[in-house]
PDB file of N, CA and C in Angstrom:
ATOM      1  N   MET A   1     -83.819   6.146 -21.117  1.00  0.00           N
ATOM      2  CA  MET A   1     -83.947   5.971 -22.552  1.00  0.00           C
ATOM      3  C   MET A   1     -82.564   6.010 -23.206  1.00  0.00           C
ATOM      4  N   GLU A   2     -82.479   5.373 -24.342  1.00  0.00           N
ATOM      5  CA  GLU A   2     -81.215   5.293 -25.079  1.00  0.00           C
ATOM      6  C   GLU A   2     -80.907   6.617 -25.757  1.00  0.00           C
ATOM      7  N   THR A   3     -79.737   7.174 -25.456  1.00  0.00           N
ATOM      8  CA  THR A   3     -79.337   8.446 -26.073  1.00  0.00           C
ATOM      9  C   THR A   3     -78.435   8.240 -27.279  1.00  0.00           C
ATOM     10  N   LYS A   4     -77.940   7.021 -27.465  1.00  0.00           N
ATOM     11  CA  LYS A   4     -77.071   6.738 -28.609  1.00  0.00           C
ATOM     12  C   LYS A   4     -77.908   6.754 -29.894  1.00  0.00           C
ATOM     13  N   PRO A   5     -77.440   7.484 -30.922  1.00  0.00           N
ATOM     14  CA  PRO A   5     -78.205   7.537 -32.175  1.00  0.00           C
ATOM     15  C   PRO A   5     -78.340   6.160 -32.836  1.00  0.00           C
ATOM     16  N   ALA A   6     -79.527   5.898 -33.356  1.00  0.00           N
ATOM     17  CA  ALA A   6     -79.790   4.668 -34.099  1.00  0.00           C
ATOM     18  C   ALA A   6     -80.132   5.048 -35.536  1.00  0.00           C
ATOM     19  N   GLU A   7     -79.508   4.367 -36.486  1.00  0.00           N
ATOM     20  CA  GLU A   7     -79.787   4.646 -37.891  1.00  0.00           C
ATOM     21  C   GLU A   7     -81.194   4.161 -38.226  1.00  0.00           C
ATOM     22  N   ILE A   8     -82.004   5.051 -38.828  1.00  0.00           N
ATOM     23  CA  ILE A   8     -83.375   4.667 -39.188  1.00  0.00           C
ATOM     24  C   ILE A   8     -83.597   4.610 -40.695  1.00  0.00           C
ATOM     25  N   SER A   9     -82.679   5.186 -41.478  1.00  0.00           N
ATOM     26  CA  SER A   9     -82.756   5.035 -42.934  1.00  0.00           C
ATOM     27  C   SER A   9     -81.404   5.364 -43.553  1.00  0.00           C
ATOM     28  N   SER A  10     -81.199   4.848 -44.752  1.00  0.00           N
ATOM     29  CA  SER A  10     -79.966   5.101 -45.479  1.00  0.00           C
ATOM     30  C   SER A  10     -80.249   4.980 -46.967  1.00  0.00           C
ATOM     31  N   SER A  11     -79.688   5.897 -47.743  1.00  0.00           N
ATOM     32  CA  SER A  11     -79.813   5.802 -49.199  1.00  0.00           C
ATOM     33  C   SER A  11     -78.515   6.298 -49.827  1.00  0.00           C
ATOM     34  N   LYS A  12     -78.167   5.666 -50.937  1.00  0.00           N
ATOM     35  CA  LYS A  12     -76.955   6.046 -51.647  1.00  0.00           C
ATOM     36  C   LYS A  12     -77.317   7.153 -52.633  1.00  0.00           C
ATOM     37  N   MET A  13     -76.515   8.212 -52.657  1.00  0.00           N
ATOM     38  CA  MET A  13     -76.736   9.283 -53.621  1.00  0.00           C
ATOM     39  C   MET A  13     -75.445  10.006 -53.931  1.00  0.00           C
ATOM     40  N   PHE A  14     -75.243  10.318 -55.182  1.00  0.00           N
ATOM     41  CA  PHE A  14     -74.060  11.037 -55.664  1.00  0.00           C
ATOM     42  C   PHE A  14     -72.761  10.410 -55.157  1.00  0.00           C
ATOM     43  N   GLY A  15     -72.748   9.094 -55.082  1.00  0.00           N
ATOM     44  CA  GLY A  15     -71.549   8.369 -54.677  1.00  0.00           C
ATOM     45  C   GLY A  15     -71.347   8.275 -53.181  1.00  0.00           C
ATOM     46  N   GLY A  16     -72.147   8.981 -52.406  1.00  0.00           N
ATOM     47  CA  GLY A  16     -72.042   8.952 -50.943  1.00  0.00           C
ATOM     48  C   GLY A  16     -73.296   8.351 -50.339  1.00  0.00           C
ATOM     49  N   TYR A  17     -73.480   8.568 -49.044  1.00  0.00           N
ATOM     50  CA  TYR A  17     -74.641   8.023 -48.354  1.00  0.00           C
ATOM     51  C   TYR A  17     -75.347   9.110 -47.561  1.00  0.00           C
ATOM     52  N   ASN A  18     -76.669   9.116 -47.689  1.00  0.00           N
ATOM     53  CA  ASN A  18     -77.533   9.992 -46.909  1.00  0.00           C
ATOM     54  C   ASN A  18     -78.170   9.116 -45.837  1.00  0.00           C
ATOM     55  N   LYS A  19     -77.862   9.390 -44.565  1.00  0.00           N
ATOM     56  CA  LYS A  19     -78.356   8.556 -43.472  1.00  0.00           C
ATOM     57  C   LYS A  19     -79.167   9.406 -42.498  1.00  0.00           C
ATOM     58  N   ARG A  20     -80.217   8.798 -41.952  1.00  0.00           N
ATOM     59  CA  ARG A  20     -81.047   9.471 -40.951  1.00  0.00           C
ATOM     60  C   ARG A  20     -80.948   8.700 -39.649  1.00  0.00           C
ATOM     61  N   TYR A  21     -80.842   9.445 -38.549  1.00  0.00           N
ATOM     62  CA  TYR A  21     -80.683   8.862 -37.225  1.00  0.00           C
ATOM     63  C   TYR A  21     -81.744   9.401 -36.281  1.00  0.00           C
ATOM     64  N   LYS A  22     -82.003   8.632 -35.231  1.00  0.00           N
ATOM     65  CA  LYS A  22     -82.927   9.049 -34.181  1.00  0.00           C
ATOM     66  C   LYS A  22     -82.257   8.781 -32.840  1.00  0.00           C
ATOM     67  N   HIS A  23     -82.479   9.678 -31.882  1.00  0.00           N
ATOM     68  CA  HIS A  23     -81.944   9.489 -30.539  1.00  0.00           C
ATOM     69  C   HIS A  23     -82.824  10.227 -29.546  1.00  0.00           C
ATOM     70  N   PHE A  24     -82.696   9.880 -28.284  1.00  0.00           N
ATOM     71  CA  PHE A  24     -83.425  10.590 -27.240  1.00  0.00           C
ATOM     72  C   PHE A  24     -82.509  11.655 -26.662  1.00  0.00           C
ATOM     73  N   SER A  25     -83.015  12.880 -26.555  1.00  0.00           N
ATOM     74  CA  SER A  25     -82.256  13.976 -25.971  1.00  0.00           C
ATOM     75  C   SER A  25     -82.732  14.218 -24.539  1.00  0.00           C
ATOM     76  N   PRO A  26     -81.893  13.908 -23.539  1.00  0.00           N
ATOM     77  CA  PRO A  26     -82.282  14.194 -22.158  1.00  0.00           C
ATOM     78  C   PRO A  26     -82.482  15.697 -21.918  1.00  0.00           C
ATOM     79  N   THR A  27     -81.725  16.517 -22.594  1.00  0.00           N
ATOM     80  CA  THR A  27     -81.845  17.968 -22.429  1.00  0.00           C
ATOM     81  C   THR A  27     -83.204  18.467 -22.904  1.00  0.00           C
ATOM     82  N   LEU A  28     -83.642  17.977 -24.052  1.00  0.00           N
ATOM     83  CA  LEU A  28     -84.919  18.419 -24.608  1.00  0.00           C
ATOM     84  C   LEU A  28     -86.090  17.579 -24.114  1.00  0.00           C
ATOM     85  N   GLY A  29     -85.791  16.390 -23.595  1.00  0.00           N
ATOM     86  CA  GLY A  29     -86.842  15.530 -23.079  1.00  0.00           C
ATOM     87  C   GLY A  29     -87.697  14.888 -24.160  1.00  0.00           C
ATOM     88  N   CYS A  30     -87.131  14.682 -25.349  1.00  0.00           N
ATOM     89  CA  CYS A  30     -87.894  14.069 -26.425  1.00  0.00           C
ATOM     90  C   CYS A  30     -86.947  13.386 -27.410  1.00  0.00           C
ATOM     91  N   SER A  31     -87.518  12.596 -28.306  1.00  0.00           N
ATOM     92  CA  SER A  31     -86.729  11.977 -29.364  1.00  0.00           C
ATOM     93  C   SER A  31     -86.433  13.006 -30.441  1.00  0.00           C
ATOM     94  N   MET A  32     -85.254  12.915 -31.001  1.00  0.00           N
ATOM     95  CA  MET A  32     -84.816  13.843 -32.045  1.00  0.00           C
ATOM     96  C   MET A  32     -84.334  13.039 -33.241  1.00  0.00           C
ATOM     97  N   THR A  33     -84.382  13.659 -34.418  1.00  0.00           N
ATOM     98  CA  THR A  33     -83.839  13.044 -35.621  1.00  0.00           C
ATOM     99  C   THR A  33     -82.847  13.992 -36.271  1.00  0.00           C
ATOM    100  N   PHE A  34     -81.948  13.418 -37.060  1.00  0.00           N
ATOM    101  CA  PHE A  34     -81.019  14.230 -37.843  1.00  0.00           C
ATOM    102  C   PHE A  34     -80.530  13.414 -39.031  1.00  0.00           C
ATOM    103  N   HIS A  35     -80.135  14.120 -40.085  1.00  0.00           N
ATOM    104  CA  HIS A  35     -79.554  13.503 -41.271  1.00  0.00           C
ATOM    105  C   HIS A  35     -78.064  13.807 -41.314  1.00  0.00           C
ATOM    106  N   ILE A  36     -77.309  12.871 -41.839  1.00  0.00           N
ATOM    107  CA  ILE A  36     -75.907  13.120 -42.174  1.00  0.00           C
ATOM    108  C   ILE A  36     -75.695  12.638 -43.603  1.00  0.00           C
ATOM    109  N   TYR A  37     -75.141  13.517 -44.429  1.00  0.00           N
ATOM    110  CA  TYR A  37     -74.729  13.091 -45.760  1.00  0.00           C
ATOM    111  C   TYR A  37     -73.228  12.871 -45.713  1.00  0.00           C
ATOM    112  N   PHE A  38     -72.813  11.642 -46.024  1.00  0.00           N
ATOM    113  CA  PHE A  38     -71.401  11.285 -46.087  1.00  0.00           C
ATOM    114  C   PHE A  38     -70.990  11.267 -47.559  1.00  0.00           C
ATOM    115  N   PRO A  39     -70.130  12.177 -47.998  1.00  0.00           N
ATOM    116  CA  PRO A  39     -69.704  12.168 -49.407  1.00  0.00           C
ATOM    117  C   PRO A  39     -68.845  10.934 -49.693  1.00  0.00           C
ATOM    118  N   PRO A  40     -68.591  10.648 -50.973  1.00  0.00           N
ATOM    119  CA  PRO A  40     -67.718   9.513 -51.296  1.00  0.00           C
ATOM    120  C   PRO A  40     -66.382   9.653 -50.564  1.00  0.00           C
ATOM    121  N   SER A  41     -65.877   8.533 -50.070  1.00  0.00           N
ATOM    122  CA  SER A  41     -64.665   8.560 -49.258  1.00  0.00           C
ATOM    123  C   SER A  41     -63.596   7.632 -49.832  1.00  0.00           C
ATOM    124  N   PRO A  42     -62.344   8.104 -49.863  1.00  0.00           N
ATOM    125  CA  PRO A  42     -61.258   7.236 -50.339  1.00  0.00           C
ATOM    126  C   PRO A  42     -60.905   6.131 -49.342  1.00  0.00           C
ATOM    127  N   SER A  43     -61.284   6.314 -48.060  1.00  0.00           N
ATOM    128  CA  SER A  43     -61.026   5.289 -47.049  1.00  0.00           C
ATOM    129  C   SER A  43     -62.010   5.461 -45.900  1.00  0.00           C
ATOM    130  N   SER A  44     -62.161   4.434 -45.087  1.00  0.00           N
ATOM    131  CA  SER A  44     -63.109   4.499 -43.964  1.00  0.00           C
ATOM    132  C   SER A  44     -62.644   5.445 -42.857  1.00  0.00           C
ATOM    133  N   SER A  45     -61.372   5.811 -42.844  1.00  0.00           N
ATOM    134  CA  SER A  45     -60.859   6.715 -41.810  1.00  0.00           C
ATOM    135  C   SER A  45     -60.711   8.160 -42.306  1.00  0.00           C
ATOM    136  N   HIS A  46     -61.120   8.419 -43.547  1.00  0.00           N
ATOM    137  CA  HIS A  46     -60.997   9.772 -44.110  1.00  0.00           C
ATOM    138  C   HIS A  46     -61.858  10.762 -43.325  1.00  0.00           C
ATOM    139  N   LYS A  47     -61.325  11.931 -43.045  1.00  0.00           N
ATOM    140  CA  LYS A  47     -62.061  12.982 -42.341  1.00  0.00           C
ATOM    141  C   LYS A  47     -62.479  14.059 -43.336  1.00  0.00           C
ATOM    142  N   PHE A  48     -63.713  14.531 -43.187  1.00  0.00           N
ATOM    143  CA  PHE A  48     -64.272  15.543 -44.070  1.00  0.00           C
ATOM    144  C   PHE A  48     -64.535  16.833 -43.323  1.00  0.00           C
ATOM    145  N   PRO A  49     -64.479  17.976 -44.011  1.00  0.00           N
ATOM    146  CA  PRO A  49     -65.029  19.189 -43.405  1.00  0.00           C
ATOM    147  C   PRO A  49     -66.541  18.997 -43.291  1.00  0.00           C
ATOM    148  N   VAL A  50     -67.147  19.669 -42.333  1.00  0.00           N
ATOM    149  CA  VAL A  50     -68.570  19.477 -42.056  1.00  0.00           C
ATOM    150  C   VAL A  50     -69.311  20.801 -42.156  1.00  0.00           C
ATOM    151  N   LEU A  51     -70.479  20.752 -42.782  1.00  0.00           N
ATOM    152  CA  LEU A  51     -71.397  21.889 -42.810  1.00  0.00           C
ATOM    153  C   LEU A  51     -72.610  21.504 -41.978  1.00  0.00           C
ATOM    154  N   TYR A  52     -72.894  22.277 -40.936  1.00  0.00           N
ATOM    155  CA  TYR A  52     -74.090  22.073 -40.119  1.00  0.00           C
ATOM    156  C   TYR A  52     -75.178  22.988 -40.656  1.00  0.00           C
ATOM    157  N   TRP A  53     -76.326  22.418 -41.018  1.00  0.00           N
ATOM    158  CA  TRP A  53     -77.415  23.215 -41.559  1.00  0.00           C
ATOM    159  C   TRP A  53     -78.569  23.206 -40.559  1.00  0.00           C
ATOM    160  N   LEU A  54     -78.902  24.392 -40.036  1.00  0.00           N
ATOM    161  CA  LEU A  54     -80.042  24.543 -39.127  1.00  0.00           C
ATOM    162  C   LEU A  54     -81.181  25.135 -39.947  1.00  0.00           C
ATOM    163  N   SER A  55     -82.192  24.328 -40.226  1.00  0.00           N
ATOM    164  CA  SER A  55     -83.233  24.710 -41.173  1.00  0.00           C
ATOM    165  C   SER A  55     -84.125  25.844 -40.714  1.00  0.00           C
ATOM    166  N   GLY A  56     -84.333  26.019 -39.465  1.00  0.00           N
ATOM    167  CA  GLY A  56     -85.217  27.082 -38.987  1.00  0.00           C
ATOM    168  C   GLY A  56     -86.134  26.559 -37.908  1.00  0.00           C
ATOM    169  N   LEU A  57     -86.910  27.437 -37.370  1.00  0.00           N
ATOM    170  CA  LEU A  57     -87.701  27.100 -36.195  1.00  0.00           C
ATOM    171  C   LEU A  57     -88.873  26.172 -36.458  1.00  0.00           C
ATOM    172  N   THR A  58     -89.319  26.054 -37.688  1.00  0.00           N
ATOM    173  CA  THR A  58     -90.463  25.186 -37.957  1.00  0.00           C
ATOM    174  C   THR A  58     -90.139  24.091 -38.960  1.00  0.00           C
ATOM    175  N   CYS A  59     -88.884  23.825 -39.198  1.00  0.00           N
ATOM    176  CA  CYS A  59     -88.489  22.813 -40.185  1.00  0.00           C
ATOM    177  C   CYS A  59     -87.939  21.569 -39.504  1.00  0.00           C
ATOM    178  N   THR A  60     -88.191  20.438 -40.129  1.00  0.00           N
ATOM    179  CA  THR A  60     -87.599  19.201 -39.645  1.00  0.00           C
ATOM    180  C   THR A  60     -86.279  18.976 -40.377  1.00  0.00           C
ATOM    181  N   ASP A  61     -85.598  17.914 -40.009  1.00  0.00           N
ATOM    182  CA  ASP A  61     -84.340  17.575 -40.678  1.00  0.00           C
ATOM    183  C   ASP A  61     -84.571  17.186 -42.133  1.00  0.00           C
ATOM    184  N   GLU A  62     -85.800  16.846 -42.499  1.00  0.00           N
ATOM    185  CA  GLU A  62     -86.073  16.412 -43.864  1.00  0.00           C
ATOM    186  C   GLU A  62     -86.249  17.559 -44.857  1.00  0.00           C
ATOM    187  N   ASN A  63     -86.625  18.747 -44.409  1.00  0.00           N
ATOM    188  CA  ASN A  63     -86.855  19.862 -45.332  1.00  0.00           C
ATOM    189  C   ASN A  63     -85.651  20.145 -46.226  1.00  0.00           C
ATOM    190  N   PHE A  64     -84.524  20.422 -45.625  1.00  0.00           N
ATOM    191  CA  PHE A  64     -83.312  20.762 -46.371  1.00  0.00           C
ATOM    192  C   PHE A  64     -82.818  19.569 -47.184  1.00  0.00           C
ATOM    193  N   ILE A  65     -82.797  18.395 -46.561  1.00  0.00           N
ATOM    194  CA  ILE A  65     -82.294  17.191 -47.225  1.00  0.00           C
ATOM    195  C   ILE A  65     -83.118  16.876 -48.468  1.00  0.00           C
ATOM    196  N   THR A  66     -84.432  17.021 -48.376  1.00  0.00           N
ATOM    197  CA  THR A  66     -85.317  16.672 -49.482  1.00  0.00           C
ATOM    198  C   THR A  66     -85.351  17.732 -50.574  1.00  0.00           C
ATOM    199  N   LYS A  67     -85.351  19.005 -50.195  1.00  0.00           N
ATOM    200  CA  LYS A  67     -85.614  20.078 -51.155  1.00  0.00           C
ATOM    201  C   LYS A  67     -84.386  20.782 -51.722  1.00  0.00           C
ATOM    202  N   SER A  68     -83.266  20.736 -51.043  1.00  0.00           N
ATOM    203  CA  SER A  68     -82.140  21.595 -51.434  1.00  0.00           C
ATOM    204  C   SER A  68     -81.282  21.038 -52.572  1.00  0.00           C
ATOM    205  N   GLY A  69     -81.134  19.737 -52.630  1.00  0.00           N
ATOM    206  CA  GLY A  69     -80.209  19.150 -53.605  1.00  0.00           C
ATOM    207  C   GLY A  69     -78.752  19.374 -53.237  1.00  0.00           C
ATOM    208  N   ALA A  70     -78.496  19.723 -51.979  1.00  0.00           N
ATOM    209  CA  ALA A  70     -77.145  20.056 -51.527  1.00  0.00           C
ATOM    210  C   ALA A  70     -76.195  18.858 -51.549  1.00  0.00           C
ATOM    211  N   GLN A  71     -76.729  17.658 -51.556  1.00  0.00           N
ATOM    212  CA  GLN A  71     -75.870  16.477 -51.562  1.00  0.00           C
ATOM    213  C   GLN A  71     -74.996  16.429 -52.810  1.00  0.00           C
ATOM    214  N   ARG A  72     -75.496  16.918 -53.941  1.00  0.00           N
ATOM    215  CA  ARG A  72     -74.706  16.914 -55.175  1.00  0.00           C
ATOM    216  C   ARG A  72     -73.449  17.780 -54.993  1.00  0.00           C
ATOM    217  N   ALA A  73     -73.617  18.994 -54.469  1.00  0.00           N
ATOM    218  CA  ALA A  73     -72.476  19.892 -54.247  1.00  0.00           C
ATOM    219  C   ALA A  73     -71.565  19.347 -53.148  1.00  0.00           C
ATOM    220  N   ALA A  74     -72.159  18.778 -52.087  1.00  0.00           N
ATOM    221  CA  ALA A  74     -71.362  18.219 -50.994  1.00  0.00           C
ATOM    222  C   ALA A  74     -70.517  17.052 -51.497  1.00  0.00           C
ATOM    223  N   SER A  75     -71.078  16.252 -52.386  1.00  0.00           N
ATOM    224  CA  SER A  75     -70.328  15.145 -52.971  1.00  0.00           C
ATOM    225  C   SER A  75     -69.166  15.664 -53.804  1.00  0.00           C
ATOM    226  N   ARG A  76     -69.443  16.643 -54.634  1.00  0.00           N
ATOM    227  CA  ARG A  76     -68.415  17.217 -55.514  1.00  0.00           C
ATOM    228  C   ARG A  76     -67.285  17.862 -54.716  1.00  0.00           C
ATOM    229  N   GLU A  77     -67.627  18.552 -53.628  1.00  0.00           N
ATOM    230  CA  GLU A  77     -66.644  19.287 -52.831  1.00  0.00           C
ATOM    231  C   GLU A  77     -66.058  18.477 -51.678  1.00  0.00           C
ATOM    232  N   GLY A  78     -66.588  17.295 -51.424  1.00  0.00           N
ATOM    233  CA  GLY A  78     -66.082  16.470 -50.326  1.00  0.00           C
ATOM    234  C   GLY A  78     -66.418  17.015 -48.956  1.00  0.00           C
ATOM    235  N   VAL A  79     -67.664  17.464 -48.786  1.00  0.00           N
ATOM    236  CA  VAL A  79     -68.114  18.048 -47.520  1.00  0.00           C
ATOM    237  C   VAL A  79     -69.247  17.195 -46.953  1.00  0.00           C
ATOM    238  N   ALA A  80     -69.160  16.877 -45.679  1.00  0.00           N
ATOM    239  CA  ALA A  80     -70.245  16.169 -45.005  1.00  0.00           C
ATOM    240  C   ALA A  80     -71.298  17.183 -44.576  1.00  0.00           C
ATOM    241  N   LEU A  81     -72.561  16.780 -44.616  1.00  0.00           N
ATOM    242  CA  LEU A  81     -73.665  17.639 -44.175  1.00  0.00           C
ATOM    243  C   LEU A  81     -74.297  17.024 -42.932  1.00  0.00           C
ATOM    244  N   ILE A  82     -74.487  17.845 -41.909  1.00  0.00           N
ATOM    245  CA  ILE A  82     -75.217  17.400 -40.721  1.00  0.00           C
ATOM    246  C   ILE A  82     -76.415  18.321 -40.575  1.00  0.00           C
ATOM    247  N   VAL A  83     -77.608  17.704 -40.581  1.00  0.00           N
ATOM    248  CA  VAL A  83     -78.850  18.479 -40.612  1.00  0.00           C
ATOM    249  C   VAL A  83     -79.776  17.985 -39.497  1.00  0.00           C
ATOM    250  N   PRO A  84     -79.769  18.659 -38.336  1.00  0.00           N
ATOM    251  CA  PRO A  84     -80.650  18.240 -37.242  1.00  0.00           C
ATOM    252  C   PRO A  84     -82.069  18.763 -37.410  1.00  0.00           C
ATOM    253  N   ASP A  85     -83.000  18.070 -36.792  1.00  0.00           N
ATOM    254  CA  ASP A  85     -84.373  18.556 -36.698  1.00  0.00           C
ATOM    255  C   ASP A  85     -84.347  19.762 -35.770  1.00  0.00           C
ATOM    256  N   THR A  86     -84.782  20.894 -36.259  1.00  0.00           N
ATOM    257  CA  THR A  86     -84.746  22.115 -35.443  1.00  0.00           C
ATOM    258  C   THR A  86     -86.108  22.470 -34.864  1.00  0.00           C
ATOM    259  N   SER A  87     -87.088  21.581 -34.999  1.00  0.00           N
ATOM    260  CA  SER A  87     -88.399  21.883 -34.411  1.00  0.00           C
ATOM    261  C   SER A  87     -89.048  20.631 -33.818  1.00  0.00           C
ATOM    262  N   PRO A  88     -88.446  20.046 -32.792  1.00  0.00           N
ATOM    263  CA  PRO A  88     -89.073  18.881 -32.181  1.00  0.00           C
ATOM    264  C   PRO A  88     -90.355  19.274 -31.450  1.00  0.00           C
ATOM    265  N   ASN A  89     -91.205  18.301 -31.221  1.00  0.00           N
ATOM    266  CA  ASN A  89     -92.459  18.556 -30.517  1.00  0.00           C
ATOM    267  C   ASN A  89     -92.243  18.434 -29.025  1.00  0.00           C
ATOM    268  N   ALA A  90     -91.775  19.495 -28.426  1.00  0.00           N
ATOM    269  CA  ALA A  90     -91.544  19.515 -26.981  1.00  0.00           C
ATOM    270  C   ALA A  90     -91.823  20.923 -26.473  1.00  0.00           C
ATOM    271  N   SER A  91     -92.147  21.035 -25.217  1.00  0.00           N
ATOM    272  CA  SER A  91     -92.323  22.359 -24.633  1.00  0.00           C
ATOM    273  C   SER A  91     -91.574  22.410 -23.315  1.00  0.00           C
ATOM    274  N   PHE A  92     -91.252  23.614 -22.873  1.00  0.00           N
ATOM    275  CA  PHE A  92     -90.426  23.813 -21.696  1.00  0.00           C
ATOM    276  C   PHE A  92     -91.022  24.890 -20.811  1.00  0.00           C
ATOM    277  N   ASN A  93     -90.706  24.813 -19.531  1.00  0.00           N
ATOM    278  CA  ASN A  93     -91.089  25.871 -18.612  1.00  0.00           C
ATOM    279  C   ASN A  93     -89.800  26.610 -18.264  1.00  0.00           C
ATOM    280  N   TYR A  94     -89.663  27.813 -18.746  1.00  0.00           N
ATOM    281  CA  TYR A  94     -88.468  28.617 -18.506  1.00  0.00           C
ATOM    282  C   TYR A  94     -88.843  29.770 -17.593  1.00  0.00           C
ATOM    283  N   LYS A  95     -88.330  29.731 -16.355  1.00  0.00           N
ATOM    284  CA  LYS A  95     -88.659  30.738 -15.340  1.00  0.00           C
ATOM    285  C   LYS A  95     -90.173  30.911 -15.203  1.00  0.00           C
ATOM    286  N   SER A  96     -90.864  29.790 -14.959  1.00  0.00           N
ATOM    287  CA  SER A  96     -92.302  29.742 -14.712  1.00  0.00           C
ATOM    288  C   SER A  96     -93.149  30.160 -15.909  1.00  0.00           C
ATOM    289  N   ARG A  97     -92.595  30.166 -17.091  1.00  0.00           N
ATOM    290  CA  ARG A  97     -93.371  30.444 -18.300  1.00  0.00           C
ATOM    291  C   ARG A  97     -93.217  29.248 -19.235  1.00  0.00           C
ATOM    292  N   THR A  98     -94.256  28.874 -19.903  1.00  0.00           N
ATOM    293  CA  THR A  98     -94.189  27.755 -20.830  1.00  0.00           C
ATOM    294  C   THR A  98     -93.913  28.282 -22.227  1.00  0.00           C
ATOM    295  N   TYR A  99     -92.908  27.709 -22.866  1.00  0.00           N
ATOM    296  CA  TYR A  99     -92.515  28.104 -24.217  1.00  0.00           C
ATOM    297  C   TYR A  99     -92.474  26.882 -25.105  1.00  0.00           C
ATOM    298  N   THR A 100     -92.666  27.087 -26.368  1.00  0.00           N
ATOM    299  CA  THR A 100     -92.434  25.998 -27.300  1.00  0.00           C
ATOM    300  C   THR A 100     -90.932  25.807 -27.421  1.00  0.00           C
ATOM    301  N   HIS A 101     -90.513  24.701 -27.995  1.00  0.00           N
ATOM    302  CA  HIS A 101     -89.092  24.405 -28.159  1.00  0.00           C
ATOM    303  C   HIS A 101     -88.381  25.510 -28.928  1.00  0.00           C
ATOM    304  N   GLU A 102     -89.030  26.054 -29.969  1.00  0.00           N
ATOM    305  CA  GLU A 102     -88.396  27.064 -30.797  1.00  0.00           C
ATOM    306  C   GLU A 102     -88.008  28.295 -29.978  1.00  0.00           C
ATOM    307  N   VAL A 103     -88.906  28.741 -29.142  1.00  0.00           N
ATOM    308  CA  VAL A 103     -88.625  29.912 -28.313  1.00  0.00           C
ATOM    309  C   VAL A 103     -87.541  29.584 -27.302  1.00  0.00           C
ATOM    310  N   PHE A 104     -87.539  28.371 -26.777  1.00  0.00           N
ATOM    311  CA  PHE A 104     -86.518  27.969 -25.818  1.00  0.00           C
ATOM    312  C   PHE A 104     -85.127  28.053 -26.435  1.00  0.00           C
ATOM    313  N   ILE A 105     -84.991  27.580 -27.672  1.00  0.00           N
ATOM    314  CA  ILE A 105     -83.688  27.661 -28.336  1.00  0.00           C
ATOM    315  C   ILE A 105     -83.254  29.114 -28.454  1.00  0.00           C
ATOM    316  N   LEU A 106     -84.157  29.980 -28.861  1.00  0.00           N
ATOM    317  CA  LEU A 106     -83.833  31.399 -28.993  1.00  0.00           C
ATOM    318  C   LEU A 106     -83.449  31.984 -27.641  1.00  0.00           C
ATOM    319  N   LEU A 107     -84.221  31.687 -26.615  1.00  0.00           N
ATOM    320  CA  LEU A 107     -83.900  32.202 -25.284  1.00  0.00           C
ATOM    321  C   LEU A 107     -82.567  31.662 -24.793  1.00  0.00           C
ATOM    322  N   ASN A 108     -82.323  30.398 -25.017  1.00  0.00           N
ATOM    323  CA  ASN A 108     -81.076  29.799 -24.583  1.00  0.00           C
ATOM    324  C   ASN A 108     -79.884  30.450 -25.287  1.00  0.00           C
ATOM    325  N   ALA A 109     -80.063  30.802 -26.551  1.00  0.00           N
ATOM    326  CA  ALA A 109     -78.973  31.398 -27.311  1.00  0.00           C
ATOM    327  C   ALA A 109     -78.656  32.819 -26.857  1.00  0.00           C
ATOM    328  N   ILE A 110     -79.668  33.554 -26.398  1.00  0.00           N
ATOM    329  CA  ILE A 110     -79.433  34.959 -26.026  1.00  0.00           C
ATOM    330  C   ILE A 110     -79.426  35.185 -24.517  1.00  0.00           C
ATOM    331  N   ARG A 111     -79.695  34.157 -23.743  1.00  0.00           N
ATOM    332  CA  ARG A 111     -79.818  34.289 -22.296  1.00  0.00           C
ATOM    333  C   ARG A 111     -78.617  34.990 -21.658  1.00  0.00           C
ATOM    334  N   ALA A 112     -77.415  34.611 -22.045  1.00  0.00           N
ATOM    335  CA  ALA A 112     -76.219  35.165 -21.419  1.00  0.00           C
ATOM    336  C   ALA A 112     -76.076  36.680 -21.682  1.00  0.00           C
ATOM    337  N   THR A 113     -76.465  37.110 -22.849  1.00  0.00           N
ATOM    338  CA  THR A 113     -76.287  38.531 -23.178  1.00  0.00           C
ATOM    339  C   THR A 113     -77.435  39.393 -22.685  1.00  0.00           C
ATOM    340  N   CYS A 114     -78.606  38.776 -22.444  1.00  0.00           N
ATOM    341  CA  CYS A 114     -79.767  39.568 -22.024  1.00  0.00           C
ATOM    342  C   CYS A 114     -80.115  39.380 -20.563  1.00  0.00           C
ATOM    343  N   ASN A 115     -79.378  38.526 -19.840  1.00  0.00           N
ATOM    344  CA  ASN A 115     -79.639  38.261 -18.435  1.00  0.00           C
ATOM    345  C   ASN A 115     -81.078  37.842 -18.166  1.00  0.00           C
ATOM    346  N   LEU A 116     -81.582  36.917 -18.971  1.00  0.00           N
ATOM    347  CA  LEU A 116     -82.965  36.425 -18.771  1.00  0.00           C
ATOM    348  C   LEU A 116     -83.025  35.515 -17.584  1.00  0.00           C
TER     349      LEU A 116
END
C-alpha cells in the first residue's frame, strides 16, 4: 500500500491553508489521516515553527481543527499546526494480549520504563 500522504481536502482560512492528508501506516496496519495548517507565508521556502497537537485517545484529527479555532492564532503568530488522528480503528496483539490502538500507544510510550 502507498505510504506517501495524499491530500484529501484543502481550505483557505485566515490567510493560510488548512489541508487534510491520508496515508497508510505500515506500523499501525491501517490508513491514517492528519491535518496541517500552513499559516500565510512570505515565500514557498519559508520555514515555520510547528505545534503538534495530539487530541487524545478517542479524538480524530478533525476534533481540534474543527472546534478549537487555533488557526486564527497560528496565522497571527506564524506557526504551523500538525494534528494527527490519535484514534485510528486498529487493534494489536501485544505479548499475546489484544489491545485497542489507544492502549497500544500508551504501552509503547511507557514500555521502556516499565519493562513490559
